[in-house]
């Protein structure tokens, strides 16, 4: 029984077409651009709308009430007072 690797080593491989690399790059680039646009629409824009919405709501609250909404920091109890050392 002949060795498979020896048979493959003896077979001739046709040369690649001249524009093989160009075609591959064009297909890959189109796919990457499409995936990046989908990622932007799926994850980026909702996050941007969330942050922009918080700013608009803060503006409306300040305009109507005259008070700027400030987020309060939670105290964990682990904090030590700062010393002048």
N, C-alpha and C. Protein backbone atom coordinates (compact mmCIF):
# COMPACT_ATOMS: atom_id res chain seq x y z
N UNK A 1 0.86 -1.18 0.00
CA UNK A 1 0.00 0.00 0.00
C UNK A 1 0.90 1.24 0.00
N UNK A 2 0.77 2.13 -0.98
CA UNK A 2 1.64 3.30 -1.08
C UNK A 2 1.28 4.32 0.01
N UNK A 3 2.28 5.05 0.39
CA UNK A 3 2.12 6.07 1.42
C UNK A 3 1.39 7.29 0.83
N UNK A 4 0.41 7.77 1.54
CA UNK A 4 -0.39 8.89 1.07
C UNK A 4 0.46 10.14 0.88
N UNK A 5 1.36 10.40 1.81
CA UNK A 5 2.19 11.59 1.73
C UNK A 5 3.12 11.54 0.52
N UNK A 6 3.60 10.38 0.18
CA UNK A 6 4.46 10.25 -1.00
C UNK A 6 3.67 10.53 -2.27
N UNK A 7 2.44 10.05 -2.32
CA UNK A 7 1.58 10.32 -3.48
C UNK A 7 1.30 11.81 -3.62
N UNK A 8 1.02 12.45 -2.49
CA UNK A 8 0.74 13.89 -2.54
C UNK A 8 1.98 14.68 -2.93
N UNK A 9 3.16 14.24 -2.50
CA UNK A 9 4.39 14.94 -2.84
C UNK A 9 4.69 14.85 -4.32
N UNK A 10 4.25 13.81 -4.97
CA UNK A 10 4.54 13.63 -6.39
C UNK A 10 3.54 14.35 -7.29
N UNK A 11 2.37 14.67 -6.79
CA UNK A 11 1.36 15.32 -7.62
C UNK A 11 1.72 16.78 -7.86
N UNK A 12 1.41 17.25 -9.04
CA UNK A 12 1.68 18.64 -9.39
C UNK A 12 0.52 19.52 -8.92
N UNK A 13 0.87 20.66 -8.41
CA UNK A 13 -0.13 21.62 -7.93
C UNK A 13 -0.20 22.75 -8.94
N UNK A 14 -1.40 23.06 -9.42
CA UNK A 14 -1.51 24.15 -10.40
C UNK A 14 -1.20 25.49 -9.73
N UNK A 15 -0.65 26.42 -10.49
CA UNK A 15 -0.34 27.74 -9.91
C UNK A 15 -1.63 28.50 -9.58
N UNK A 16 -1.52 29.39 -8.62
CA UNK A 16 -2.67 30.20 -8.23
C UNK A 16 -2.96 31.23 -9.32
N UNK A 17 -4.22 31.59 -9.49
CA UNK A 17 -4.55 32.65 -10.44
C UNK A 17 -3.87 33.96 -10.03
N UNK A 18 -3.62 34.82 -10.98
CA UNK A 18 -2.91 36.07 -10.71
C UNK A 18 -3.66 36.97 -9.74
N UNK A 19 -4.98 37.00 -9.82
CA UNK A 19 -5.76 37.88 -8.95
C UNK A 19 -6.38 37.13 -7.76
N UNK A 20 -5.79 36.02 -7.38
CA UNK A 20 -6.32 35.22 -6.27
C UNK A 20 -6.31 36.02 -4.97
N UNK A 21 -5.19 36.65 -4.66
CA UNK A 21 -5.09 37.41 -3.42
C UNK A 21 -6.05 38.59 -3.37
N UNK A 22 -6.22 39.24 -4.53
CA UNK A 22 -7.12 40.39 -4.59
C UNK A 22 -8.55 39.98 -4.30
N UNK A 23 -8.98 38.88 -4.90
CA UNK A 23 -10.36 38.42 -4.68
C UNK A 23 -10.59 38.05 -3.22
N UNK A 24 -9.61 37.36 -2.64
CA UNK A 24 -9.74 36.96 -1.24
C UNK A 24 -9.81 38.18 -0.35
N UNK A 25 -8.94 39.17 -0.58
CA UNK A 25 -8.95 40.38 0.25
C UNK A 25 -10.26 41.15 0.10
N UNK A 26 -10.78 41.22 -1.10
CA UNK A 26 -12.04 41.93 -1.29
C UNK A 26 -13.18 41.25 -0.54
N UNK A 27 -13.25 39.93 -0.60
CA UNK A 27 -14.31 39.22 0.11
C UNK A 27 -14.16 39.37 1.62
N UNK A 28 -12.92 39.23 2.10
CA UNK A 28 -12.69 39.36 3.54
C UNK A 28 -12.99 40.78 4.00
N UNK A 29 -12.56 41.77 3.23
CA UNK A 29 -12.81 43.15 3.63
C UNK A 29 -14.30 43.48 3.66
N UNK A 30 -15.05 42.99 2.68
CA UNK A 30 -16.50 43.22 2.69
C UNK A 30 -17.13 42.58 3.93
N UNK A 31 -16.69 41.38 4.26
CA UNK A 31 -17.23 40.70 5.43
C UNK A 31 -16.88 41.44 6.72
N UNK A 32 -15.63 41.90 6.82
CA UNK A 32 -15.22 42.63 8.02
C UNK A 32 -15.99 43.93 8.18
N UNK A 33 -16.17 44.65 7.09
CA UNK A 33 -16.93 45.91 7.17
C UNK A 33 -18.37 45.64 7.59
N UNK A 34 -18.97 44.62 7.03
CA UNK A 34 -20.35 44.29 7.40
C UNK A 34 -20.44 43.92 8.88
N UNK A 35 -19.49 43.13 9.37
CA UNK A 35 -19.51 42.75 10.78
C UNK A 35 -19.27 43.95 11.69
N UNK A 36 -18.40 44.86 11.29
CA UNK A 36 -18.15 46.04 12.11
C UNK A 36 -19.37 46.95 12.15
N UNK A 37 -20.07 47.08 11.04
CA UNK A 37 -21.29 47.90 11.03
C UNK A 37 -22.37 47.25 11.89
N UNK A 38 -22.51 45.94 11.80
CA UNK A 38 -23.48 45.26 12.67
C UNK A 38 -23.12 45.41 14.13
N UNK A 39 -21.84 45.31 14.46
CA UNK A 39 -21.40 45.48 15.84
C UNK A 39 -21.69 46.89 16.34
N UNK A 40 -21.46 47.88 15.50
CA UNK A 40 -21.77 49.27 15.87
C UNK A 40 -23.26 49.43 16.11
N UNK A 41 -24.08 48.89 15.22
CA UNK A 41 -25.53 49.03 15.38
C UNK A 41 -26.05 48.26 16.58
N UNK A 42 -25.47 47.09 16.85
CA UNK A 42 -25.97 46.22 17.91
C UNK A 42 -25.50 46.66 19.29
N UNK A 43 -24.21 47.09 19.40
CA UNK A 43 -23.66 47.41 20.72
C UNK A 43 -23.33 48.88 20.90
N UNK A 44 -22.82 49.52 19.89
CA UNK A 44 -22.34 50.90 20.04
C UNK A 44 -23.44 51.93 20.15
N UNK A 45 -24.38 51.89 19.23
CA UNK A 45 -25.42 52.91 19.23
C UNK A 45 -26.35 52.85 20.45
N UNK A 46 -26.78 51.67 20.89
CA UNK A 46 -27.60 51.67 22.11
C UNK A 46 -26.87 52.26 23.32
N UNK A 47 -25.58 51.98 23.43
CA UNK A 47 -24.82 52.55 24.54
C UNK A 47 -24.70 54.06 24.40
N UNK A 48 -24.47 54.54 23.18
CA UNK A 48 -24.40 55.98 22.95
C UNK A 48 -25.75 56.64 23.25
N UNK A 49 -26.84 56.01 22.81
CA UNK A 49 -28.17 56.57 23.10
C UNK A 49 -28.44 56.60 24.60
N UNK A 50 -27.99 55.60 25.33
CA UNK A 50 -28.17 55.56 26.78
C UNK A 50 -27.46 56.74 27.44
N UNK A 51 -26.20 56.94 27.08
CA UNK A 51 -25.45 58.05 27.70
C UNK A 51 -25.99 59.40 27.26
N UNK A 52 -26.34 59.54 26.00
CA UNK A 52 -26.90 60.79 25.52
C UNK A 52 -28.26 61.04 26.17
N UNK A 53 -29.05 60.00 26.33
CA UNK A 53 -30.35 60.14 26.98
C UNK A 53 -30.23 60.61 28.42
N UNK A 54 -29.22 60.08 29.13
CA UNK A 54 -29.01 60.53 30.52
C UNK A 54 -28.68 62.02 30.56
N UNK A 55 -27.89 62.49 29.59
CA UNK A 55 -27.54 63.91 29.55
C UNK A 55 -28.76 64.76 29.24
N UNK A 56 -29.59 64.32 28.32
CA UNK A 56 -30.80 65.07 27.96
C UNK A 56 -31.77 65.10 29.13
N UNK A 57 -31.92 63.98 29.82
CA UNK A 57 -32.81 63.95 31.00
C UNK A 57 -32.28 64.88 32.08
N UNK A 58 -30.97 64.88 32.29
CA UNK A 58 -30.38 65.81 33.27
C UNK A 58 -30.62 67.25 32.88
N UNK A 59 -30.53 67.57 31.60
CA UNK A 59 -30.80 68.92 31.13
C UNK A 59 -32.25 69.30 31.39
N UNK A 60 -33.17 68.39 31.10
CA UNK A 60 -34.59 68.67 31.32
C UNK A 60 -34.90 68.85 32.81
N UNK A 61 -34.32 68.00 33.64
CA UNK A 61 -34.55 68.13 35.09
C UNK A 61 -34.01 69.46 35.59
N UNK A 62 -32.81 69.84 35.13
CA UNK A 62 -32.23 71.11 35.55
C UNK A 62 -33.06 72.29 35.05
N UNK A 63 -33.55 72.19 33.82
CA UNK A 63 -34.35 73.28 33.25
C UNK A 63 -35.66 73.45 34.01
N UNK A 64 -36.31 72.34 34.36
CA UNK A 64 -37.62 72.43 34.99
C UNK A 64 -37.54 72.67 36.50
N UNK A 65 -36.52 72.13 37.17
CA UNK A 65 -36.48 72.24 38.63
C UNK A 65 -35.41 73.19 39.14
N UNK A 66 -34.40 73.48 38.34
CA UNK A 66 -33.32 74.35 38.79
C UNK A 66 -32.28 73.60 39.60
N UNK A 67 -32.45 72.29 39.78
CA UNK A 67 -31.49 71.49 40.54
C UNK A 67 -30.81 70.51 39.59
N UNK A 68 -29.51 70.40 39.75
CA UNK A 68 -28.76 69.48 38.91
C UNK A 68 -28.70 68.12 39.59
N UNK A 69 -29.16 67.05 38.92
CA UNK A 69 -29.14 65.72 39.56
C UNK A 69 -27.70 65.22 39.70
N UNK A 70 -27.34 64.89 40.93
CA UNK A 70 -25.99 64.39 41.20
C UNK A 70 -26.12 62.97 41.72
N UNK A 71 -25.32 62.07 41.15
CA UNK A 71 -25.33 60.69 41.64
C UNK A 71 -24.55 60.65 42.95
N UNK A 72 -25.14 60.03 43.96
CA UNK A 72 -24.47 59.92 45.25
C UNK A 72 -23.57 58.69 45.24
N UNK A 73 -22.37 58.87 45.80
CA UNK A 73 -21.46 57.74 45.90
C UNK A 73 -21.86 56.89 47.10
N UNK A 74 -21.79 55.58 46.91
CA UNK A 74 -22.11 54.68 48.01
C UNK A 74 -20.91 54.57 48.93
N UNK A 75 -21.18 54.60 50.20
CA UNK A 75 -20.10 54.43 51.17
C UNK A 75 -20.01 52.96 51.53
N UNK A 76 -18.80 52.43 51.44
CA UNK A 76 -18.61 51.02 51.72
C UNK A 76 -18.18 50.77 53.16
N UNK A 77 -17.67 51.80 53.83
CA UNK A 77 -17.20 51.61 55.20
C UNK A 77 -15.75 51.16 55.25
N UNK A 78 -15.19 50.81 54.13
CA UNK A 78 -13.79 50.37 54.09
C UNK A 78 -12.83 51.54 53.93
N UNK A 79 -13.37 52.70 53.66
CA UNK A 79 -12.51 53.86 53.40
C UNK A 79 -11.98 54.41 54.71
N UNK A 80 -10.72 54.74 54.70
CA UNK A 80 -10.07 55.35 55.88
C UNK A 80 -9.92 56.84 55.60
N UNK A 81 -10.03 57.66 56.63
CA UNK A 81 -9.85 59.09 56.42
C UNK A 81 -8.42 59.38 55.98
N UNK A 82 -8.27 60.36 55.11
CA UNK A 82 -6.94 60.74 54.62
C UNK A 82 -6.15 61.41 55.74
N UNK A 83 -4.89 61.05 55.84
CA UNK A 83 -4.02 61.68 56.86
C UNK A 83 -2.97 62.50 56.15
N UNK A 84 -2.37 63.42 56.85
CA UNK A 84 -1.38 64.33 56.26
C UNK A 84 0.03 63.77 56.31
N UNK A 85 0.24 62.50 56.38
CA UNK A 85 1.60 61.95 56.46
C UNK A 85 2.30 62.03 55.17
